[in-house]
Amino acid sequence: MPFLDAQFQVQTSDVIAFSEPQRLAVEMSVSLSIASEGEWLYKNLKYPRFKNFYGYAQLMSGAFVVQTIPLTFLNQELLHWRDQSFGINDTTLCMGKFLANLIQPSATVGALLIKTRQRYTSIRFRLFGGIIANVTYVWQEGESGCGNVVLEPDGKQGQPAIPNNGGASGSPRPSDQGGDPTDPSANDGGYDPNSGLQPPPRAGGGEASGTWKIQITGFRQDDSTYTFQLDSEVSDPNAVVTANLVPTPGSSPNNAGKLNSTVVFVVNGVSRTTIATGFGVQIGSPYYY
């Protein structure tokens, strides 16, 4: 199978497309070499090959960014793939033809190989001013080692999807693309204890051992500020906990005229008045820790 290569300079702001033969290649390698660092910002010499910063590359699938690649070394590989299945399938088919000829020398065995089109369509570059860089492509075209017929893939195989940045899609979600049945927990970080789903996993997999707390800021009588954490002493991680402020009965404002308030926890619909009071109190959202 023949190897091909190409090398050329990358512009400061550039996009370089993969040709169709490159996307169908059995093996493909894309590398970048810095020919001039310009006025380099720094060199991190703790690495065996010093690390600098020359800009960014983005590997694309149509309009979709697959990977952002910081350009940090004088010689840096950006992308490599090898279609292992092509060689395995060709070897298997060649062995089948060889064995068939041993059994019946006049036998004719037809064998087809279908190429795979990679989803990558281009690499976009954004270099710092004064940086001169060369990109090198090396690829291997797929050919059979024993005369098997090599076919092109379906025209839609490996082609990127069509983006939609114009607004919310009006198409209905397919019925089989709801939650993940293999991990039926609510969204991590936004767990709703009333969802009926199990809580997200936690490190160690043990039972929860925290309590619901809130952060409080307020003012003293002389209008100096303070901050502290108020513990509700509610240890059930599935409890529905909110916090409210109510006027403190019989209290007067502080020296700056700020009113006195008392913190009230509401746990599963039941109010629990605390001893936390203060002038101009502000409270955060309850969190479990």
C-alpha atoms as a PDB file:
ATOM      1  CA  MET A   1       0.000   0.000   0.000  1.00  0.00           C
ATOM      2  CA  PRO A   2       1.565   3.325  -1.043  1.00  0.00           C
ATOM      3  CA  PHE A   3       2.526   6.072   1.404  1.00  0.00           C
ATOM      4  CA  LEU A   4       2.001   9.703   0.406  1.00  0.00           C
ATOM      5  CA  ASP A   5       3.089  12.907   2.104  1.00  0.00           C
ATOM      6  CA  ALA A   6       2.678  16.677   1.894  1.00  0.00           C
ATOM      7  CA  GLN A   7       4.323  19.568   3.749  1.00  0.00           C
ATOM      8  CA  PHE A   8       3.579  23.295   3.581  1.00  0.00           C
ATOM      9  CA  GLN A   9       3.451  26.457   5.677  1.00  0.00           C
ATOM     10  CA  VAL A  10       0.507  27.242   7.933  1.00  0.00           C
ATOM     11  CA  GLN A  11      -0.808  30.814   7.886  1.00  0.00           C
ATOM     12  CA  THR A  12      -1.405  32.758  11.098  1.00  0.00           C
ATOM     13  CA  SER A  13      -5.152  32.118  10.798  1.00  0.00           C
ATOM     14  CA  ASP A  14      -5.734  29.072   8.635  1.00  0.00           C
ATOM     15  CA  VAL A  15      -8.016  26.146   7.923  1.00  0.00           C
ATOM     16  CA  ILE A  16      -6.678  23.060   6.150  1.00  0.00           C
ATOM     17  CA  ALA A  17      -9.168  20.507   4.883  1.00  0.00           C
ATOM     18  CA  PHE A  18      -8.609  16.764   4.656  1.00  0.00           C
ATOM     19  CA  SER A  19      -8.978  15.533   1.084  1.00  0.00           C
ATOM     20  CA  GLU A  20     -11.270  12.596   0.402  1.00  0.00           C
ATOM     21  CA  PRO A  21      -8.322  10.201  -0.152  1.00  0.00           C
ATOM     22  CA  GLN A  22      -6.882  11.335   3.194  1.00  0.00           C
ATOM     23  CA  ARG A  23     -10.161  10.728   5.019  1.00  0.00           C
ATOM     24  CA  LEU A  24     -10.262   7.243   3.450  1.00  0.00           C
ATOM     25  CA  ALA A  25      -6.613   6.514   4.267  1.00  0.00           C
ATOM     26  CA  VAL A  26      -5.697   3.379   6.182  1.00  0.00           C
ATOM     27  CA  GLU A  27      -3.193   5.377   8.220  1.00  0.00           C
ATOM     28  CA  MET A  28      -2.924   9.135   8.644  1.00  0.00           C
ATOM     29  CA  SER A  29      -0.553  11.349  10.618  1.00  0.00           C
ATOM     30  CA  VAL A  30      -0.619  15.152  10.928  1.00  0.00           C
ATOM     31  CA  SER A  31       2.260  16.967  12.639  1.00  0.00           C
ATOM     32  CA  LEU A  32       3.357  20.567  13.125  1.00  0.00           C
ATOM     33  CA  SER A  33       6.898  21.961  13.177  1.00  0.00           C
ATOM     34  CA  ILE A  34       7.738  25.482  14.391  1.00  0.00           C
ATOM     35  CA  ALA A  35      10.258  27.130  12.050  1.00  0.00           C
ATOM     36  CA  SER A  36      10.410  30.486  13.843  1.00  0.00           C
ATOM     37  CA  GLU A  37       9.333  31.238  17.413  1.00  0.00           C
ATOM     38  CA  GLY A  38       9.264  35.001  16.899  1.00  0.00           C
ATOM     39  CA  GLU A  39       9.496  36.716  20.256  1.00  0.00           C
ATOM     40  CA  TRP A  40       8.734  33.661  22.372  1.00  0.00           C
ATOM     41  CA  LEU A  41       7.001  34.380  25.646  1.00  0.00           C
ATOM     42  CA  TYR A  42       8.794  31.801  27.777  1.00  0.00           C
ATOM     43  CA  LYS A  43      10.409  28.387  27.647  1.00  0.00           C
ATOM     44  CA  ASN A  44       9.497  25.873  30.327  1.00  0.00           C
ATOM     45  CA  LEU A  45      12.735  23.920  30.648  1.00  0.00           C
ATOM     46  CA  LYS A  46      11.510  21.355  33.160  1.00  0.00           C
ATOM     47  CA  TYR A  47      10.381  19.219  30.185  1.00  0.00           C
ATOM     48  CA  PRO A  48      12.932  17.097  28.257  1.00  0.00           C
ATOM     49  CA  ARG A  49      11.810  19.028  25.188  1.00  0.00           C
ATOM     50  CA  PHE A  50      11.074  22.543  26.384  1.00  0.00           C
ATOM     51  CA  LYS A  51       7.491  23.719  26.350  1.00  0.00           C
ATOM     52  CA  ASN A  52       6.438  27.032  24.829  1.00  0.00           C
ATOM     53  CA  PHE A  53       3.136  28.350  23.511  1.00  0.00           C
ATOM     54  CA  TYR A  54       2.542  29.158  19.859  1.00  0.00           C
ATOM     55  CA  GLY A  55      -1.259  29.196  19.499  1.00  0.00           C
ATOM     56  CA  TYR A  56      -4.088  26.710  19.071  1.00  0.00           C
ATOM     57  CA  ALA A  57      -5.367  24.172  16.570  1.00  0.00           C
ATOM     58  CA  GLN A  58      -8.895  22.772  16.439  1.00  0.00           C
ATOM     59  CA  LEU A  59      -9.723  19.412  14.926  1.00  0.00           C
ATOM     60  CA  MET A  60     -13.066  19.699  13.136  1.00  0.00           C
ATOM     61  CA  SER A  61     -15.883  17.447  11.980  1.00  0.00           C
ATOM     62  CA  GLY A  62     -17.704  19.815   9.661  1.00  0.00           C
ATOM     63  CA  ALA A  63     -18.870  22.705  11.843  1.00  0.00           C
ATOM     64  CA  PHE A  64     -18.292  20.734  15.042  1.00  0.00           C
ATOM     65  CA  VAL A  65     -15.138  21.088  17.139  1.00  0.00           C
ATOM     66  CA  VAL A  66     -13.797  17.629  18.018  1.00  0.00           C
ATOM     67  CA  GLN A  67     -10.731  18.697  19.986  1.00  0.00           C
ATOM     68  CA  THR A  68      -8.834  21.867  20.849  1.00  0.00           C
ATOM     69  CA  ILE A  69      -5.067  21.347  20.724  1.00  0.00           C
ATOM     70  CA  PRO A  70      -2.658  23.796  22.418  1.00  0.00           C
ATOM     71  CA  LEU A  71       0.451  24.181  20.259  1.00  0.00           C
ATOM     72  CA  THR A  72       3.247  23.941  22.795  1.00  0.00           C
ATOM     73  CA  PHE A  73       6.237  22.077  21.295  1.00  0.00           C
ATOM     74  CA  LEU A  74       8.645  22.710  18.436  1.00  0.00           C
ATOM     75  CA  ASN A  75       7.599  19.412  16.847  1.00  0.00           C
ATOM     76  CA  GLN A  76       4.155  18.174  17.810  1.00  0.00           C
ATOM     77  CA  GLU A  77       1.908  15.419  16.476  1.00  0.00           C
ATOM     78  CA  LEU A  78      -1.642  16.721  16.163  1.00  0.00           C
ATOM     79  CA  LEU A  79      -3.533  13.668  14.921  1.00  0.00           C
ATOM     80  CA  HIS A  80      -2.960  10.019  14.091  1.00  0.00           C
ATOM     81  CA  TRP A  81      -5.252   7.175  13.147  1.00  0.00           C
ATOM     82  CA  ARG A  82      -4.831   3.693  11.721  1.00  0.00           C
ATOM     83  CA  ASP A  83      -7.704   1.597  10.409  1.00  0.00           C
ATOM     84  CA  GLN A  84      -6.666  -1.757  11.863  1.00  0.00           C
ATOM     85  CA  SER A  85      -9.764  -3.502  10.533  1.00  0.00           C
ATOM     86  CA  PHE A  86      -8.759  -2.912   6.886  1.00  0.00           C
ATOM     87  CA  GLY A  87      -5.537  -4.902   7.223  1.00  0.00           C
ATOM     88  CA  ILE A  88      -7.158  -7.618   9.338  1.00  0.00           C
ATOM     89  CA  ASN A  89     -10.029  -8.072   6.864  1.00  0.00           C
ATOM     90  CA  ASP A  90      -7.679  -8.122   3.875  1.00  0.00           C
ATOM     91  CA  THR A  91      -5.413 -10.715   5.526  1.00  0.00           C
ATOM     92  CA  THR A  92      -8.406 -12.887   6.419  1.00  0.00           C
ATOM     93  CA  LEU A  93      -9.811 -12.730   2.880  1.00  0.00           C
ATOM     94  CA  CYS A  94      -6.408 -13.461   1.341  1.00  0.00           C
ATOM     95  CA  MET A  95      -6.008 -16.515   3.581  1.00  0.00           C
ATOM     96  CA  GLY A  96      -9.476 -17.713   2.555  1.00  0.00           C
ATOM     97  CA  LYS A  97      -8.554 -17.439  -1.097  1.00  0.00           C
ATOM     98  CA  PHE A  98      -5.269 -19.246  -0.479  1.00  0.00           C
ATOM     99  CA  LEU A  99      -6.966 -22.148   1.317  1.00  0.00           C
ATOM    100  CA  ALA A 100      -9.681 -22.388  -1.329  1.00  0.00           C
ATOM    101  CA  ASN A 101      -7.048 -22.720  -4.044  1.00  0.00           C
ATOM    102  CA  LEU A 102      -5.329 -25.488  -2.075  1.00  0.00           C
ATOM    103  CA  ILE A 103      -8.569 -27.436  -1.854  1.00  0.00           C
ATOM    104  CA  GLN A 104      -9.689 -26.742  -5.418  1.00  0.00           C
ATOM    105  CA  PRO A 105      -7.085 -24.996  -7.581  1.00  0.00           C
ATOM    106  CA  SER A 106      -9.661 -23.850 -10.084  1.00  0.00           C
ATOM    107  CA  ALA A 107     -11.908 -22.266  -7.442  1.00  0.00           C
ATOM    108  CA  THR A 108     -12.702 -18.565  -7.801  1.00  0.00           C
ATOM    109  CA  VAL A 109     -13.289 -16.715  -4.540  1.00  0.00           C
ATOM    110  CA  GLY A 110     -14.668 -13.196  -4.686  1.00  0.00           C
ATOM    111  CA  ALA A 111     -13.718 -10.891  -1.825  1.00  0.00           C
ATOM    112  CA  LEU A 112     -14.705  -7.268  -1.187  1.00  0.00           C
ATOM    113  CA  LEU A 113     -13.063  -4.704   1.112  1.00  0.00           C
ATOM    114  CA  ILE A 114     -14.919  -1.519   2.058  1.00  0.00           C
ATOM    115  CA  LYS A 115     -12.932   1.505   3.199  1.00  0.00           C
ATOM    116  CA  THR A 116     -13.785   3.564   6.277  1.00  0.00           C
ATOM    117  CA  ARG A 117     -14.191   7.339   5.996  1.00  0.00           C
ATOM    118  CA  GLN A 118     -12.909   9.223   9.066  1.00  0.00           C
ATOM    119  CA  ARG A 119     -15.228  11.872  10.488  1.00  0.00           C
ATOM    120  CA  TYR A 120     -12.478  14.528  10.550  1.00  0.00           C
ATOM    121  CA  THR A 121     -12.844  17.171   7.823  1.00  0.00           C
ATOM    122  CA  SER A 122     -10.260  19.861   8.663  1.00  0.00           C
ATOM    123  CA  ILE A 123      -7.850  21.386  11.160  1.00  0.00           C
ATOM    124  CA  ARG A 124      -8.150  25.089  11.992  1.00  0.00           C
ATOM    125  CA  PHE A 125      -5.114  27.057  13.176  1.00  0.00           C
ATOM    126  CA  ARG A 126      -4.634  30.298  15.077  1.00  0.00           C
ATOM    127  CA  LEU A 127      -0.965  31.147  15.589  1.00  0.00           C
ATOM    128  CA  PHE A 128       0.610  34.032  17.461  1.00  0.00           C
ATOM    129  CA  GLY A 129       2.057  36.811  15.347  1.00  0.00           C
ATOM    130  CA  GLY A 130       5.599  36.116  14.183  1.00  0.00           C
ATOM    131  CA  ILE A 131       5.244  32.340  14.481  1.00  0.00           C
ATOM    132  CA  ILE A 132       6.201  30.423  11.344  1.00  0.00           C
ATOM    133  CA  ALA A 133       5.025  26.815  11.260  1.00  0.00           C
ATOM    134  CA  ASN A 134       4.934  23.954   8.769  1.00  0.00           C
ATOM    135  CA  VAL A 135       2.348  21.189   8.759  1.00  0.00           C
ATOM    136  CA  THR A 136       3.219  17.686   7.537  1.00  0.00           C
ATOM    137  CA  TYR A 137       0.731  15.081   6.360  1.00  0.00           C
ATOM    138  CA  VAL A 138       1.699  11.425   5.854  1.00  0.00           C
ATOM    139  CA  TRP A 139      -0.956   8.939   4.799  1.00  0.00           C
ATOM    140  CA  GLN A 140      -1.259   5.419   3.469  1.00  0.00           C
ATOM    141  CA  GLU A 141      -3.847   4.532   0.853  1.00  0.00           C
ATOM    142  CA  GLY A 142      -5.729   1.288   1.254  1.00  0.00           C
ATOM    143  CA  GLU A 143      -4.947  -1.417  -1.283  1.00  0.00           C
ATOM    144  CA  SER A 144      -5.383  -5.166  -1.073  1.00  0.00           C
ATOM    145  CA  GLY A 145      -2.326  -7.360  -0.747  1.00  0.00           C
ATOM    146  CA  CYS A 146      -3.809 -10.148  -2.871  1.00  0.00           C
ATOM    147  CA  GLY A 147      -6.140  -8.522  -5.366  1.00  0.00           C
ATOM    148  CA  ASN A 148      -9.304  -8.200  -3.297  1.00  0.00           C
ATOM    149  CA  VAL A 149     -11.722  -5.615  -4.644  1.00  0.00           C
ATOM    150  CA  VAL A 150     -11.574  -2.392  -2.596  1.00  0.00           C
ATOM    151  CA  LEU A 151     -14.810  -0.381  -2.536  1.00  0.00           C
ATOM    152  CA  GLU A 152     -15.580   3.161  -1.410  1.00  0.00           C
ATOM    153  CA  PRO A 153     -17.923   3.500   1.591  1.00  0.00           C
ATOM    154  CA  ASP A 154     -21.453   4.829   1.430  1.00  0.00           C
ATOM    155  CA  GLY A 155     -21.437   8.548   0.664  1.00  0.00           C
ATOM    156  CA  LYS A 156     -22.975   9.369   4.061  1.00  0.00           C
ATOM    157  CA  GLN A 157     -20.613   7.233   6.151  1.00  0.00           C
ATOM    158  CA  GLY A 158     -18.414   9.405   8.364  1.00  0.00           C
ATOM    159  CA  GLN A 159     -19.994  12.672   7.214  1.00  0.00           C
ATOM    160  CA  PRO A 160     -20.669  15.251   9.954  1.00  0.00           C
ATOM    161  CA  ALA A 161     -24.147  16.223  11.071  1.00  0.00           C
ATOM    162  CA  ILE A 162     -25.786  19.487  10.051  1.00  0.00           C
ATOM    163  CA  PRO A 163     -25.489  22.102  12.839  1.00  0.00           C
ATOM    164  CA  ASN A 164     -28.434  24.117  14.089  1.00  0.00           C
ATOM    165  CA  ASN A 165     -27.519  27.388  15.794  1.00  0.00           C
ATOM    166  CA  GLY A 166     -30.680  29.254  14.860  1.00  0.00           C
ATOM    167  CA  GLY A 167     -32.781  28.365  17.885  1.00  0.00           C
ATOM    168  CA  ALA A 168     -34.461  25.516  19.709  1.00  0.00           C
ATOM    169  CA  SER A 169     -35.224  22.556  17.464  1.00  0.00           C
ATOM    170  CA  GLY A 170     -38.903  21.930  16.872  1.00  0.00           C
ATOM    171  CA  SER A 171     -38.370  18.243  16.189  1.00  0.00           C
ATOM    172  CA  PRO A 172     -39.673  15.827  18.840  1.00  0.00           C
ATOM    173  CA  ARG A 173     -37.180  13.756  20.811  1.00  0.00           C
ATOM    174  CA  PRO A 174     -37.283  10.050  19.870  1.00  0.00           C
ATOM    175  CA  SER A 175     -39.075   7.992  22.522  1.00  0.00           C
ATOM    176  CA  ASP A 176     -36.022   5.785  23.117  1.00  0.00           C
ATOM    177  CA  GLN A 177     -33.680   8.734  23.810  1.00  0.00           C
ATOM    178  CA  GLY A 178     -34.833   9.773  27.253  1.00  0.00           C
ATOM    179  CA  GLY A 179     -32.766   9.136  30.376  1.00  0.00           C
ATOM    180  CA  ASP A 180     -29.942   6.620  30.497  1.00  0.00           C
ATOM    181  CA  PRO A 181     -31.473   3.290  31.591  1.00  0.00           C
ATOM    182  CA  THR A 182     -28.045   2.006  32.660  1.00  0.00           C
ATOM    183  CA  ASP A 183     -27.621   4.889  35.139  1.00  0.00           C
ATOM    184  CA  PRO A 184     -31.111   6.057  36.146  1.00  0.00           C
ATOM    185  CA  SER A 185     -30.085   8.898  38.453  1.00  0.00           C
ATOM    186  CA  ALA A 186     -31.104  12.512  38.136  1.00  0.00           C
ATOM    187  CA  ASN A 187     -28.663  15.010  36.634  1.00  0.00           C
ATOM    188  CA  ASP A 188     -25.536  15.385  38.749  1.00  0.00           C
ATOM    189  CA  GLY A 189     -25.354  18.726  40.509  1.00  0.00           C
ATOM    190  CA  GLY A 190     -29.054  19.399  40.057  1.00  0.00           C
ATOM    191  CA  TYR A 191     -30.472  16.413  41.911  1.00  0.00           C
ATOM    192  CA  ASP A 192     -34.178  16.625  42.651  1.00  0.00           C
ATOM    193  CA  PRO A 193     -35.041  14.429  45.654  1.00  0.00           C
ATOM    194  CA  ASN A 194     -38.688  14.410  44.511  1.00  0.00           C
ATOM    195  CA  SER A 195     -37.833  12.915  41.109  1.00  0.00           C
ATOM    196  CA  GLY A 196     -38.192   9.345  42.323  1.00  0.00           C
ATOM    197  CA  LEU A 197     -34.729   8.554  40.963  1.00  0.00           C
ATOM    198  CA  GLN A 198     -31.804   7.414  43.065  1.00  0.00           C
ATOM    199  CA  PRO A 199     -29.232  10.024  44.128  1.00  0.00           C
ATOM    200  CA  PRO A 200     -26.065  10.390  42.049  1.00  0.00           C
ATOM    201  CA  PRO A 201     -23.126   8.225  43.197  1.00  0.00           C
ATOM    202  CA  ARG A 202     -20.623   9.570  45.688  1.00  0.00           C
ATOM    203  CA  ALA A 203     -17.003   8.741  46.356  1.00  0.00           C
ATOM    204  CA  GLY A 204     -16.631   5.554  48.371  1.00  0.00           C
ATOM    205  CA  GLY A 205     -20.201   4.516  47.687  1.00  0.00           C
ATOM    206  CA  GLY A 206     -21.010   4.739  51.390  1.00  0.00           C
ATOM    207  CA  GLU A 207     -23.951   6.276  53.175  1.00  0.00           C
ATOM    208  CA  ALA A 208     -24.198  10.045  53.307  1.00  0.00           C
ATOM    209  CA  SER A 209     -22.812  11.490  56.520  1.00  0.00           C
ATOM    210  CA  GLY A 210     -23.309  15.226  56.067  1.00  0.00           C
ATOM    211  CA  THR A 211     -26.008  17.723  56.951  1.00  0.00           C
ATOM    212  CA  TRP A 212     -27.833  20.535  55.174  1.00  0.00           C
ATOM    213  CA  LYS A 213     -26.174  23.910  55.725  1.00  0.00           C
ATOM    214  CA  ILE A 214     -26.401  27.489  54.474  1.00  0.00           C
ATOM    215  CA  GLN A 215     -24.014  30.418  54.395  1.00  0.00           C
ATOM    216  CA  ILE A 216     -25.158  33.570  56.197  1.00  0.00           C
ATOM    217  CA  THR A 217     -23.920  37.164  56.044  1.00  0.00           C
ATOM    218  CA  GLY A 218     -25.248  39.986  58.200  1.00  0.00           C
ATOM    219  CA  PHE A 219     -24.517  43.090  60.264  1.00  0.00           C
ATOM    220  CA  ARG A 220     -24.031  43.664  63.992  1.00  0.00           C
ATOM    221  CA  GLN A 221     -25.539  46.435  66.081  1.00  0.00           C
ATOM    222  CA  ASP A 222     -22.633  48.748  65.168  1.00  0.00           C
ATOM    223  CA  ASP A 223     -23.121  47.810  61.466  1.00  0.00           C
ATOM    224  CA  SER A 224     -19.924  45.775  61.210  1.00  0.00           C
ATOM    225  CA  THR A 225     -20.291  42.687  59.006  1.00  0.00           C
ATOM    226  CA  TYR A 226     -19.968  38.981  59.785  1.00  0.00           C
ATOM    227  CA  THR A 227     -20.273  35.674  57.904  1.00  0.00           C
ATOM    228  CA  PHE A 228     -20.849  32.168  59.214  1.00  0.00           C
ATOM    229  CA  GLN A 229     -22.200  28.752  58.262  1.00  0.00           C
ATOM    230  CA  LEU A 230     -25.477  27.651  59.803  1.00  0.00           C
ATOM    231  CA  ASP A 231     -26.076  23.936  60.248  1.00  0.00           C
ATOM    232  CA  SER A 232     -29.671  22.733  60.059  1.00  0.00           C
ATOM    233  CA  GLU A 233     -28.640  19.411  61.672  1.00  0.00           C
ATOM    234  CA  VAL A 234     -30.805  17.634  59.071  1.00  0.00           C
ATOM    235  CA  SER A 235     -28.772  14.627  57.904  1.00  0.00           C
ATOM    236  CA  ASP A 236     -31.179  13.117  55.343  1.00  0.00           C
ATOM    237  CA  PRO A 237     -29.627  13.820  51.903  1.00  0.00           C
ATOM    238  CA  ASN A 238     -33.020  13.293  50.258  1.00  0.00           C
ATOM    239  CA  ALA A 239     -34.818  15.875  52.400  1.00  0.00           C
ATOM    240  CA  VAL A 240     -36.246  18.934  50.684  1.00  0.00           C
ATOM    241  CA  VAL A 241     -34.638  21.826  52.544  1.00  0.00           C
ATOM    242  CA  THR A 242     -35.158  25.539  51.979  1.00  0.00           C
ATOM    243  CA  ALA A 243     -34.324  28.580  54.101  1.00  0.00           C
ATOM    244  CA  ASN A 244     -36.356  31.736  54.673  1.00  0.00           C
ATOM    245  CA  LEU A 245     -36.016  34.960  56.639  1.00  0.00           C
ATOM    246  CA  VAL A 246     -38.760  36.253  58.959  1.00  0.00           C
ATOM    247  CA  PRO A 247     -38.782  39.476  61.010  1.00  0.00           C
ATOM    248  CA  THR A 248     -37.514  38.962  64.557  1.00  0.00           C
ATOM    249  CA  PRO A 249     -40.404  39.791  66.942  1.00  0.00           C
ATOM    250  CA  GLY A 250     -39.836  42.782  69.248  1.00  0.00           C
ATOM    251  CA  SER A 251     -36.497  43.752  67.692  1.00  0.00           C
ATOM    252  CA  SER A 252     -35.297  47.230  66.777  1.00  0.00           C
ATOM    253  CA  PRO A 253     -33.053  48.219  63.846  1.00  0.00           C
ATOM    254  CA  ASN A 254     -29.284  48.499  64.305  1.00  0.00           C
ATOM    255  CA  ASN A 255     -27.366  51.774  64.299  1.00  0.00           C
ATOM    256  CA  ALA A 256     -27.593  51.971  60.481  1.00  0.00           C
ATOM    257  CA  GLY A 257     -31.328  51.256  60.394  1.00  0.00           C
ATOM    258  CA  LYS A 258     -31.074  47.637  59.190  1.00  0.00           C
ATOM    259  CA  LEU A 259     -33.896  45.394  60.390  1.00  0.00           C
ATOM    260  CA  ASN A 260     -33.362  42.250  62.418  1.00  0.00           C
ATOM    261  CA  SER A 261     -34.347  38.898  60.881  1.00  0.00           C
ATOM    262  CA  THR A 262     -34.422  35.253  61.966  1.00  0.00           C
ATOM    263  CA  VAL A 263     -33.477  32.291  59.784  1.00  0.00           C
ATOM    264  CA  VAL A 264     -36.119  29.599  59.357  1.00  0.00           C
ATOM    265  CA  PHE A 265     -35.413  26.202  57.770  1.00  0.00           C
ATOM    266  CA  VAL A 266     -38.296  24.484  55.987  1.00  0.00           C
ATOM    267  CA  VAL A 267     -37.671  20.731  55.953  1.00  0.00           C
ATOM    268  CA  ASN A 268     -40.098  18.626  53.901  1.00  0.00           C
ATOM    269  CA  GLY A 269     -42.697  21.352  54.351  1.00  0.00           C
ATOM    270  CA  VAL A 270     -42.222  21.751  58.124  1.00  0.00           C
ATOM    271  CA  SER A 271     -40.793  25.048  59.440  1.00  0.00           C
ATOM    272  CA  ARG A 272     -37.948  24.969  61.960  1.00  0.00           C
ATOM    273  CA  THR A 273     -37.085  28.322  63.518  1.00  0.00           C
ATOM    274  CA  THR A 274     -33.407  28.679  64.416  1.00  0.00           C
ATOM    275  CA  ILE A 275     -31.615  30.884  66.922  1.00  0.00           C
ATOM    276  CA  ALA A 276     -29.748  32.614  64.076  1.00  0.00           C
ATOM    277  CA  THR A 277     -30.709  36.261  63.968  1.00  0.00           C
ATOM    278  CA  GLY A 278     -29.040  39.368  62.645  1.00  0.00           C
ATOM    279  CA  PHE A 279     -29.439  42.771  61.077  1.00  0.00           C
ATOM    280  CA  GLY A 280     -29.703  42.934  57.266  1.00  0.00           C
ATOM    281  CA  VAL A 281     -29.210  39.157  57.032  1.00  0.00           C
ATOM    282  CA  GLN A 282     -28.652  37.552  53.626  1.00  0.00           C
ATOM    283  CA  ILE A 283     -28.697  33.771  53.089  1.00  0.00           C
ATOM    284  CA  GLY A 284     -27.447  31.464  50.361  1.00  0.00           C
ATOM    285  CA  SER A 285     -28.983  28.265  49.025  1.00  0.00           C
ATOM    286  CA  PRO A 286     -28.932  25.173  51.272  1.00  0.00           C
ATOM    287  CA  TYR A 287     -26.238  22.643  50.403  1.00  0.00           C
ATOM    288  CA  TYR A 288     -25.471  19.166  51.703  1.00  0.00           C
ATOM    289  CA  TYR A 289     -22.008  18.578  53.103  1.00  0.00           C
END
